[in-house]
C-alpha atoms as a PDB file:
ATOM      1  CA  MET A   1      10.672   0.686 -14.728  1.00  0.00           C
ATOM      2  CA  TYR A   2       8.718   3.911 -15.226  1.00  0.00           C
ATOM      3  CA  ASP A   3       5.471   5.256 -13.795  1.00  0.00           C
ATOM      4  CA  ASP A   4       3.849   8.687 -14.223  1.00  0.00           C
ATOM      5  CA  VAL A   5       2.419   8.758 -10.675  1.00  0.00           C
ATOM      6  CA  ILE A   6       4.614   6.714  -8.330  1.00  0.00           C
ATOM      7  CA  LYS A   7       8.160   8.054  -7.955  1.00  0.00           C
ATOM      8  CA  LEU A   8      11.224   6.458  -6.339  1.00  0.00           C
ATOM      9  CA  LYS A   9      13.232   9.704  -6.510  1.00  0.00           C
ATOM     10  CA  GLY A  10      12.437  13.364  -6.012  1.00  0.00           C
ATOM     11  CA  LYS A  11      10.380  15.466  -3.640  1.00  0.00           C
ATOM     12  CA  CYS A  12       7.220  13.298  -3.586  1.00  0.00           C
ATOM     13  CA  ASN A  13       8.803   9.835  -3.664  1.00  0.00           C
ATOM     14  CA  ILE A  14       7.359   6.751  -1.959  1.00  0.00           C
ATOM     15  CA  ILE A  15      10.549   5.593  -0.196  1.00  0.00           C
ATOM     16  CA  GLY A  16       9.834   4.964   3.495  1.00  0.00           C
ATOM     17  CA  ARG A  17       6.081   4.643   3.010  1.00  0.00           C
ATOM     18  CA  GLY A  18       4.084   1.618   4.072  1.00  0.00           C
ATOM     19  CA  LEU A  19       1.938  -0.680   1.981  1.00  0.00           C
ATOM     20  CA  ILE A  20      -0.811  -3.003   3.240  1.00  0.00           C
ATOM     21  CA  ILE A  21      -2.634  -5.526   1.055  1.00  0.00           C
ATOM     22  CA  HIS A  22      -6.061  -6.639   2.250  1.00  0.00           C
ATOM     23  CA  ALA A  23      -7.958  -9.810   1.312  1.00  0.00           C
ATOM     24  CA  ASP A  24     -11.030  -7.987  -0.032  1.00  0.00           C
ATOM     25  CA  THR A  25     -11.913  -4.876  -2.023  1.00  0.00           C
ATOM     26  CA  ASP A  26     -12.065  -1.543  -0.163  1.00  0.00           C
ATOM     27  CA  ASP A  27     -15.581  -0.040  -0.208  1.00  0.00           C
ATOM     28  CA  CYS A  28     -14.100   3.483   0.117  1.00  0.00           C
ATOM     29  CA  GLY A  29     -16.043   4.185   3.318  1.00  0.00           C
ATOM     30  CA  LEU A  30     -19.435   3.745   1.659  1.00  0.00           C
ATOM     31  CA  GLY A  31     -20.503   0.620   3.589  1.00  0.00           C
ATOM     32  CA  ASN A  32     -22.689   2.499   6.106  1.00  0.00           C
ATOM     33  CA  ASN A  33     -21.006   0.966   9.173  1.00  0.00           C
ATOM     34  CA  ASP A  34     -18.091   1.713  11.510  1.00  0.00           C
ATOM     35  CA  ALA A  35     -15.746  -0.832   9.883  1.00  0.00           C
ATOM     36  CA  SER A  36     -16.285   0.822   6.523  1.00  0.00           C
ATOM     37  CA  LEU A  37     -14.999   4.144   7.840  1.00  0.00           C
ATOM     38  CA  LEU A  38     -12.121   2.480   9.719  1.00  0.00           C
ATOM     39  CA  ASN A  39     -10.752   0.077   7.103  1.00  0.00           C
ATOM     40  CA  GLY A  40     -13.123   0.096   4.130  1.00  0.00           C
ATOM     41  CA  ASN A  41     -14.431  -3.390   4.954  1.00  0.00           C
ATOM     42  CA  ALA A  42     -11.363  -4.645   3.092  1.00  0.00           C
ATOM     43  CA  GLY A  43     -10.986  -7.815   5.141  1.00  0.00           C
ATOM     44  CA  LYS A  44      -7.901  -9.303   6.760  1.00  0.00           C
ATOM     45  CA  ARG A  45      -4.454  -7.875   6.188  1.00  0.00           C
ATOM     46  CA  ILE A  46      -2.597 -10.462   4.136  1.00  0.00           C
ATOM     47  CA  ALA A  47       0.697  -8.654   3.440  1.00  0.00           C
ATOM     48  CA  CYS A  48       2.563  -5.511   4.415  1.00  0.00           C
ATOM     49  CA  ALA A  49       5.839  -3.814   3.542  1.00  0.00           C
ATOM     50  CA  ILE A  50       7.886  -0.661   3.882  1.00  0.00           C
ATOM     51  CA  ILE A  51       9.215   0.575   0.551  1.00  0.00           C
ATOM     52  CA  GLY A  52      12.959   1.140   0.504  1.00  0.00           C
ATOM     53  CA  TYR A  53      16.261   0.654  -1.299  1.00  0.00           C
ATOM     54  CA  SER A  54      18.665  -2.244  -0.841  1.00  0.00           C
ATOM     55  CA  LYS A  55      22.345  -2.448  -1.759  1.00  0.00           C
ATOM     56  CA  ASP A  56      21.971  -6.209  -2.311  1.00  0.00           C
ATOM     57  CA  ASN A  57      20.473  -7.827  -5.384  1.00  0.00           C
ATOM     58  CA  PHE A  58      17.856 -10.312  -4.232  1.00  0.00           C
ATOM     59  CA  THR A  59      16.809 -13.142  -6.516  1.00  0.00           C
ATOM     60  CA  CYS A  60      14.095 -15.710  -6.081  1.00  0.00           C
END
């Protein structure tokens, strides 16, 4: 897998960073209310993860 922006190795890698997926689209703080500035009116959190390496091979 290759990506020009997201790196798994090197100085600016994403290992150890968190990821949250919301139910709705983020309004980028343009919703003119407090929730917009806090969470982008993106709705409920439906999934989260910490990006990391594993020695095991997981299959579904």
